[in-house]
Amino acid sequence: MKYYIIAGEASGDLHGSNLIKQLHIQDTAADIRCWGGDLMQQAGATLVKHYRNLAFMGFAEVVKNLPTILQNIKLCKADIATYRPDVLILIDYPGFNLRIAKWAKQNGLRVIYYISPQVWAWKANRVVSMKQCIDVMLVILPFEKAYFADKWNWPVTYVGHPLVEVVDACLNEPLQPLPALLANPLPVIALLPGSRKQEIAKKLPIMLGVCAHFPQYQFAVAQAPGQAAEFYAPFLEQYQNVTLIQGKTYHLLRHSKAALVTSGTATLETALLGVPEVVCYKTSAISYSIGKRLVKIKFISLVNLIMNQLVVKELIQDALNTPNLVQALQELLENSPQQQQLQNQYRQLKQLLSQDGTASEKAATLIVQQVKDWQHL
């Protein structure tokens, strides 16, 4: 059978690659064409367009690159029409993928969406058109199943979270030594200040402010894949006990006693790796004011959202300051009962995110069977 898969970001490339591997297992004759990245190509798909040429973040950048974006959409539609897949599989990346889904449905193509846009947080009005143009929705957060069923009368399928298999693969590897940390025998605290320059510049100085309060530890900053080491140098130059670690975030976390983590997927990765964490979020006052009106969620961390309770400490906006970070970090490092409770909650979190088999395996099985069912109609 012929599968056309579209992912527009690094995370989509990762999860798409694991899905492709499972599709080849479930359907040995699978012919897969994709928009994605190196991992999806290595997994056995024919790569049409790399996500590096698709990802435009922020209103100004989108406006500036609008001709390129529209040309990419036009190219994608033409390529799908020529390839004539048995199914179109869309992975997150809603700004692009929902446009393609609408066009695909109008042209009689079957559409499966894997990893839903976070419409439960904002832009819930998207669901009306999503129901019309998506044949099967596969979700990866346990509360999404009830959200779509109760609020939108839309039965979707929960397959578990694909990060579980990614983290498990790392945990099954021997722990790699990090040479940059070996010169200092002190235990490690990880700092994950985000991936974009603006958020790093906003949060990293506050995170670094705790270093002087914990002389018995060394600190390590996880360098974002898209940022050069030179960008971090001005922030780190005055700190003797801080090291920059490139490309080894999971292994850094495995070496760490605790972590200060920017809100986002990294909070979930840190929890699945079993590392105590404080979740950090800060943006401009204007952006925060607008965001509070648009985003309707109880917590900012995925860990707390999934568990529907305050599992990990969240320091948001004005609450994100060095004194509060110092206090929160001290509690994580020195409070043994709290540490034990946290590890128990982390285990419960992993159970919620795990299904029989991996998310990729379950998704591939459902996709292959669904396409076969459609072919017999």
Protein backbone atom coordinates (compact mmCIF):
# COMPACT_ATOMS: atom_id res chain seq x y z
CA MET A 1 0.00 0.00 0.00
CA LYS A 2 1.05 3.58 -0.57
CA TYR A 3 1.43 6.00 2.35
CA TYR A 4 2.09 9.75 2.20
CA ILE A 5 3.28 11.25 5.51
CA ILE A 6 3.80 14.93 6.36
CA ALA A 7 5.79 16.15 9.39
CA GLY A 8 7.09 19.71 9.60
CA GLU A 9 9.32 19.78 12.68
CA ALA A 10 12.14 17.85 14.36
CA SER A 11 9.77 16.13 16.80
CA GLY A 12 7.49 15.10 13.94
CA ASP A 13 10.50 13.69 12.09
CA LEU A 14 11.41 11.60 15.16
CA HIS A 15 7.91 10.23 15.73
CA GLY A 16 7.33 9.86 12.01
CA SER A 17 10.48 7.76 11.67
CA ASN A 18 9.31 5.34 14.36
CA LEU A 19 5.90 5.14 12.70
CA ILE A 20 7.54 4.39 9.33
CA LYS A 21 9.60 1.57 10.84
CA GLN A 22 6.42 0.01 12.21
CA LEU A 23 4.51 0.49 8.95
CA HIS A 24 7.23 -1.48 7.15
CA ILE A 25 6.84 -4.25 9.73
CA GLN A 26 3.03 -4.30 9.48
CA ASP A 27 3.01 -3.94 5.68
CA THR A 28 6.11 -5.41 4.05
CA ALA A 29 5.03 -4.00 0.68
CA ALA A 30 4.64 -0.47 2.05
CA ASP A 31 5.66 2.35 -0.29
CA ILE A 32 6.11 5.53 1.73
CA ARG A 33 6.66 9.08 0.53
CA CYS A 34 7.11 11.93 3.01
CA TRP A 35 7.79 15.49 3.97
CA GLY A 36 9.96 15.31 7.08
CA GLY A 37 13.63 14.92 7.86
CA ASP A 38 16.70 12.72 7.95
CA LEU A 39 15.21 10.24 10.42
CA MET A 40 12.14 9.57 8.30
CA GLN A 41 14.34 9.13 5.24
CA GLN A 42 16.64 6.74 7.11
CA ALA A 43 13.58 4.75 8.23
CA GLY A 44 12.78 3.95 4.62
CA ALA A 45 10.63 6.76 3.20
CA THR A 46 11.28 8.77 0.05
CA LEU A 47 11.88 12.34 1.26
CA VAL A 48 10.25 15.04 -0.87
CA LYS A 49 10.96 18.12 1.27
CA HIS A 50 13.02 18.58 4.46
CA TYR A 51 11.36 20.23 7.46
CA ARG A 52 14.28 22.71 7.63
CA ASN A 53 12.66 24.40 4.64
CA LEU A 54 9.21 24.43 6.22
CA ALA A 55 9.56 25.68 9.80
CA PHE A 56 8.74 29.37 10.20
CA MET A 57 8.06 30.49 13.78
CA GLY A 58 6.35 33.71 14.81
CA PHE A 59 3.94 36.09 13.08
CA ALA A 60 6.61 38.30 11.47
CA GLU A 61 8.57 35.36 10.08
CA VAL A 62 5.42 33.75 8.67
CA VAL A 63 4.40 37.00 6.92
CA LYS A 64 7.92 37.49 5.56
CA ASN A 65 8.02 33.95 4.17
CA LEU A 66 4.39 33.72 3.05
CA PRO A 67 5.22 33.27 -0.67
CA THR A 68 7.50 30.34 0.21
CA ILE A 69 4.86 28.79 2.48
CA LEU A 70 2.16 29.07 -0.20
CA GLN A 71 4.52 27.61 -2.79
CA ASN A 72 5.27 24.68 -0.47
CA ILE A 73 1.55 24.01 -0.02
CA LYS A 74 1.04 24.10 -3.79
CA LEU A 75 4.00 21.74 -4.33
CA CYS A 76 2.74 19.37 -1.65
CA LYS A 77 -0.75 19.15 -3.17
CA ALA A 78 0.67 18.50 -6.63
CA ASP A 79 3.01 15.78 -5.34
CA ILE A 80 0.22 14.02 -3.44
CA ALA A 81 -2.03 14.16 -6.49
CA THR A 82 0.69 12.61 -8.66
CA TYR A 83 1.58 9.92 -6.12
CA ARG A 84 -2.06 8.98 -5.39
CA PRO A 85 -1.55 7.39 -1.95
CA ASP A 86 -3.95 4.98 -0.30
CA VAL A 87 -3.83 7.19 2.79
CA LEU A 88 -2.48 10.58 3.81
CA ILE A 89 -0.95 10.58 7.33
CA LEU A 90 -0.48 13.99 8.96
CA ILE A 91 1.73 14.43 12.04
CA ASP A 92 0.96 17.51 14.20
CA TYR A 93 2.17 20.73 12.40
CA PRO A 94 -1.39 22.10 12.15
CA GLY A 95 -0.80 25.38 10.30
CA PHE A 96 0.33 23.44 7.23
CA ASN A 97 -1.30 20.05 7.71
CA LEU A 98 -4.85 21.23 8.30
CA ARG A 99 -4.76 23.10 4.98
CA ILE A 100 -3.58 19.91 3.27
CA ALA A 101 -6.24 17.85 5.07
CA LYS A 102 -9.03 20.11 3.81
CA TRP A 103 -7.75 19.91 0.23
CA ALA A 104 -7.25 16.13 0.48
CA LYS A 105 -10.80 15.54 1.66
CA GLN A 106 -12.18 17.68 -1.16
CA ASN A 107 -10.22 15.50 -3.57
CA GLY A 108 -11.46 12.18 -2.21
CA LEU A 109 -8.34 11.17 -0.24
CA ARG A 110 -8.48 9.34 3.09
CA VAL A 111 -6.84 11.30 5.93
CA ILE A 112 -5.42 9.99 9.22
CA TYR A 113 -4.05 12.51 11.73
CA TYR A 114 -1.40 11.25 14.16
CA ILE A 115 -0.62 13.56 17.11
CA SER A 116 -3.48 16.03 17.33
CA PRO A 117 -3.05 19.81 17.34
CA GLN A 118 -3.44 21.04 20.92
CA VAL A 119 -6.90 22.45 20.32
CA TRP A 120 -7.80 21.83 23.97
CA ALA A 121 -5.41 24.67 24.84
CA TRP A 122 -6.22 27.17 22.09
CA LYS A 123 -7.88 27.53 18.69
CA ALA A 124 -10.61 25.06 19.65
CA ASN A 125 -12.69 26.36 16.73
CA ARG A 126 -10.38 24.35 14.46
CA VAL A 127 -12.17 21.18 15.54
CA VAL A 128 -15.25 21.97 13.44
CA SER A 129 -13.29 21.74 10.18
CA MET A 130 -11.03 18.96 11.53
CA LYS A 131 -14.07 16.69 12.00
CA GLN A 132 -15.08 17.30 8.41
CA CYS A 133 -11.74 16.53 6.77
CA ILE A 134 -10.06 13.94 9.04
CA ASP A 135 -11.26 10.34 8.79
CA VAL A 136 -9.31 8.96 11.77
CA MET A 137 -7.69 10.89 14.63
CA LEU A 138 -4.97 9.15 16.68
CA VAL A 139 -4.16 11.05 19.88
CA ILE A 140 -1.18 10.71 22.23
CA LEU A 141 -2.40 12.37 25.45
CA PRO A 142 -4.84 10.38 27.60
CA PHE A 143 -7.20 13.28 28.34
CA GLU A 144 -7.64 14.07 24.63
CA LYS A 145 -9.91 11.06 24.10
CA ALA A 146 -12.48 12.38 26.59
CA TYR A 147 -12.01 15.97 25.39
CA PHE A 148 -12.97 15.17 21.81
CA ALA A 149 -15.75 12.78 22.82
CA ASP A 150 -17.39 14.98 25.46
CA LYS A 151 -16.94 18.42 23.93
CA TRP A 152 -17.12 17.61 20.23
CA ASN A 153 -18.90 14.24 19.99
CA TRP A 154 -15.91 12.93 18.05
CA PRO A 155 -14.63 9.41 18.82
CA VAL A 156 -10.83 9.42 18.56
CA THR A 157 -8.29 6.70 19.40
CA TYR A 158 -5.66 7.01 22.11
CA VAL A 159 -2.47 5.13 21.19
CA GLY A 160 -0.15 6.19 24.02
CA HIS A 161 2.69 8.69 23.83
CA PRO A 162 5.55 8.07 21.35
CA LEU A 163 8.08 9.69 23.70
CA VAL A 164 7.82 6.66 25.99
CA GLU A 165 9.54 4.42 23.45
CA VAL A 166 12.14 7.11 22.65
CA VAL A 167 13.05 7.57 26.31
CA ASP A 168 13.00 3.82 26.98
CA ALA A 169 15.45 3.32 24.12
CA CYS A 170 17.79 5.81 25.78
CA LEU A 171 17.41 4.21 29.21
CA ASN A 172 18.25 0.82 27.73
CA GLU A 173 21.58 2.14 26.44
CA PRO A 174 24.68 2.20 28.66
CA LEU A 175 25.02 5.59 30.33
CA GLN A 176 27.46 7.58 28.22
CA PRO A 177 30.12 9.53 30.10
CA LEU A 178 30.09 13.22 29.30
CA PRO A 179 33.74 14.30 29.14
CA ALA A 180 32.88 17.94 29.84
CA LEU A 181 31.55 16.91 33.26
CA LEU A 182 34.36 14.55 34.26
CA ALA A 183 36.79 17.31 35.25
CA ASN A 184 34.43 18.29 38.06
CA PRO A 185 33.48 15.51 40.52
CA LEU A 186 30.46 17.37 41.90
CA PRO A 187 26.90 16.12 41.20
CA VAL A 188 25.06 17.74 38.29
CA ILE A 189 22.03 19.99 37.94
CA ALA A 190 20.77 20.39 34.36
CA LEU A 191 19.48 23.65 32.89
CA LEU A 192 17.17 23.37 29.87
CA PRO A 193 16.36 26.97 28.88
CA GLY A 194 14.57 26.18 25.60
CA SER A 195 15.38 26.09 21.91
CA ARG A 196 14.72 29.59 20.56
CA LYS A 197 17.04 32.55 21.15
CA GLN A 198 14.32 34.75 22.61
CA GLU A 199 13.26 32.25 25.28
CA ILE A 200 16.85 31.30 26.12
CA ALA A 201 17.79 34.97 26.61
CA LYS A 202 14.74 35.44 28.83
CA LYS A 203 15.14 32.40 31.09
CA LEU A 204 18.78 31.32 31.14
CA PRO A 205 20.05 34.31 33.20
CA ILE A 206 17.42 33.59 35.85
CA MET A 207 18.32 29.89 35.90
CA LEU A 208 22.02 30.72 36.19
CA GLY A 209 21.24 32.91 39.19
CA VAL A 210 20.86 29.79 41.35
CA CYS A 211 24.45 28.61 40.75
CA ALA A 212 26.02 30.63 43.54
CA HIS A 213 23.55 29.16 46.03
CA PHE A 214 24.58 25.55 45.32
CA PRO A 215 28.40 25.43 45.47
CA GLN A 216 28.21 21.68 46.17
CA TYR A 217 26.88 21.09 42.62
CA GLN A 218 28.03 21.71 39.08
CA PHE A 219 25.57 22.99 36.48
CA ALA A 220 25.23 22.00 32.82
CA VAL A 221 23.26 23.85 30.13
CA ALA A 222 21.68 21.77 27.35
CA GLN A 223 22.58 23.44 24.05
CA ALA A 224 19.62 23.59 21.66
CA PRO A 225 20.21 21.85 18.30
CA GLY A 226 19.56 25.01 16.30
CA GLN A 227 21.82 27.32 18.35
CA ALA A 228 25.59 27.84 18.19
CA ALA A 229 27.79 27.59 21.27
CA GLU A 230 28.83 31.22 20.69
CA PHE A 231 25.29 32.34 21.47
CA TYR A 232 25.56 30.94 25.01
CA ALA A 233 29.04 32.29 25.76
CA PRO A 234 28.03 35.76 27.06
CA PHE A 235 25.55 34.17 29.48
CA LEU A 236 28.02 31.63 30.86
CA GLU A 237 31.34 33.52 30.96
CA GLN A 238 31.03 34.69 34.56
CA TYR A 239 30.19 31.22 35.95
CA GLN A 240 33.01 28.83 36.84
CA ASN A 241 30.79 25.85 37.69
CA VAL A 242 28.67 25.85 34.52
CA THR A 243 29.30 23.72 31.38
CA LEU A 244 27.60 23.76 27.98
CA ILE A 245 26.57 20.28 26.71
CA GLN A 246 25.84 19.80 23.02
CA GLY A 247 23.61 17.10 21.53
CA LYS A 248 23.39 14.89 24.62
CA THR A 249 20.35 16.23 26.48
CA TYR A 250 18.96 12.82 27.48
CA HIS A 251 22.34 11.65 28.73
CA LEU A 252 22.84 14.95 30.56
CA LEU A 253 19.52 14.42 32.31
CA ARG A 254 20.50 10.85 33.21
CA HIS A 255 23.60 12.27 34.92
CA SER A 256 21.59 14.93 36.77
CA LYS A 257 20.19 15.07 40.30
CA ALA A 258 17.59 17.68 39.26
CA ALA A 259 16.73 19.98 36.36
CA LEU A 260 15.33 23.44 35.68
CA VAL A 261 13.28 23.02 32.52
CA THR A 262 11.49 25.38 30.14
CA SER A 263 7.83 24.48 29.69
CA GLY A 264 7.12 22.25 26.70
CA THR A 265 7.87 18.69 25.64
CA ALA A 266 11.14 18.78 27.62
CA THR A 267 9.16 18.71 30.88
CA LEU A 268 7.66 15.37 29.85
CA GLU A 269 11.00 13.96 28.69
CA THR A 270 12.60 14.95 31.99
CA ALA A 271 9.83 13.24 33.96
CA LEU A 272 10.01 10.03 31.88
CA LEU A 273 13.75 9.97 32.58
CA GLY A 274 12.92 10.16 36.29
CA VAL A 275 14.66 13.47 36.99
CA PRO A 276 13.16 15.86 39.59
CA GLU A 277 12.38 19.16 37.88
CA VAL A 278 11.17 22.72 38.27
CA VAL A 279 9.21 24.01 35.28
CA CYS A 280 10.07 27.53 34.13
CA TYR A 281 8.08 29.88 31.92
CA LYS A 282 8.57 33.58 31.19
CA THR A 283 7.78 35.78 28.21
CA SER A 284 7.16 39.48 27.58
CA ALA A 285 4.41 41.12 29.61
CA ILE A 286 2.36 41.80 26.46
CA SER A 287 2.70 38.23 25.15
CA TYR A 288 1.80 36.82 28.56
CA SER A 289 -1.27 39.04 28.83
CA ILE A 290 -2.47 37.99 25.37
CA GLY A 291 -1.63 34.33 26.05
CA LYS A 292 -3.68 34.25 29.26
CA ARG A 293 -6.74 35.32 27.27
CA LEU A 294 -6.20 32.82 24.45
CA VAL A 295 -4.83 29.72 26.17
CA LYS A 296 -7.30 27.92 28.42
CA ILE A 297 -5.38 25.35 30.46
CA LYS A 298 -5.06 24.63 34.18
CA PHE A 299 -1.31 23.98 34.10
CA ILE A 300 1.56 24.98 31.83
CA SER A 301 3.51 21.71 32.14
CA LEU A 302 2.54 18.60 30.18
CA VAL A 303 3.36 16.51 33.25
CA ASN A 304 0.76 18.32 35.36
CA LEU A 305 -1.79 18.46 32.53
CA ILE A 306 -1.62 14.71 31.97
CA MET A 307 -1.78 13.90 35.69
CA ASN A 308 -4.42 16.60 36.27
CA GLN A 309 -2.63 17.69 39.42
CA LEU A 310 0.41 19.70 40.49
CA VAL A 311 3.15 17.07 40.28
CA VAL A 312 6.05 19.34 39.37
CA LYS A 313 6.52 22.92 40.56
CA GLU A 314 5.66 25.58 37.99
CA LEU A 315 7.22 29.05 38.19
CA ILE A 316 5.43 31.28 35.71
CA GLN A 317 6.16 34.86 34.59
CA ASP A 318 6.84 37.09 37.65
CA ALA A 319 7.09 34.02 39.90
CA LEU A 320 10.10 32.90 37.86
CA ASN A 321 12.89 34.60 39.74
CA THR A 322 16.10 33.44 41.36
CA PRO A 323 14.89 33.36 45.00
CA ASN A 324 11.88 31.22 44.06
CA LEU A 325 14.05 28.93 41.93
CA VAL A 326 16.53 28.50 44.76
CA GLN A 327 13.75 27.54 47.18
CA ALA A 328 12.11 25.13 44.73
CA LEU A 329 15.44 23.48 43.90
CA GLN A 330 16.34 23.11 47.57
CA GLU A 331 13.06 21.32 48.20
CA LEU A 332 13.75 18.92 45.34
CA LEU A 333 17.28 18.14 46.49
CA GLU A 334 16.79 18.02 50.26
CA ASN A 335 13.25 16.74 50.85
CA SER A 336 13.43 12.93 50.73
CA PRO A 337 9.66 12.30 51.20
CA GLN A 338 8.93 14.75 48.37
CA GLN A 339 11.48 12.98 46.17
CA GLN A 340 9.85 9.60 46.82
CA GLN A 341 6.36 10.94 46.15
CA LEU A 342 7.59 12.51 42.92
CA GLN A 343 9.10 9.25 41.68
CA ASN A 344 5.82 7.44 42.45
CA GLN A 345 3.92 10.05 40.43
CA TYR A 346 6.42 9.75 37.58
CA ARG A 347 5.71 5.99 37.48
CA GLN A 348 1.97 6.68 37.34
CA LEU A 349 2.58 9.17 34.53
CA LYS A 350 4.45 6.58 32.49
CA GLN A 351 1.66 4.06 33.00
CA LEU A 352 -0.89 6.59 31.72
CA LEU A 353 1.21 7.20 28.61
CA SER A 354 1.87 3.54 27.89
CA GLN A 355 -0.42 1.16 26.03
CA ASP A 356 -0.01 -2.45 24.93
CA GLY A 357 3.08 -2.16 22.76
CA THR A 358 4.48 1.23 21.74
CA ALA A 359 2.52 4.18 20.39
CA SER A 360 4.19 3.78 17.00
CA GLU A 361 3.36 0.09 16.86
CA LYS A 362 -0.26 0.63 17.83
CA ALA A 363 -0.67 3.55 15.42
CA ALA A 364 0.84 1.57 12.52
CA THR A 365 -1.37 -1.44 13.23
CA LEU A 366 -4.50 0.73 13.27
CA ILE A 367 -3.46 2.58 10.10
CA VAL A 368 -2.72 -0.57 8.09
CA GLN A 369 -5.95 -2.24 9.19
CA GLN A 370 -7.98 0.90 8.48
CA VAL A 371 -6.58 1.21 4.95
CA LYS A 372 -7.38 -2.46 4.30
CA ASP A 373 -10.94 -1.90 5.54
CA TRP A 374 -11.35 1.09 3.23
CA GLN A 375 -10.10 -0.93 0.29
CA HIS A 376 -12.78 -3.57 0.92
CA LEU A 377 -15.65 -1.08 1.02
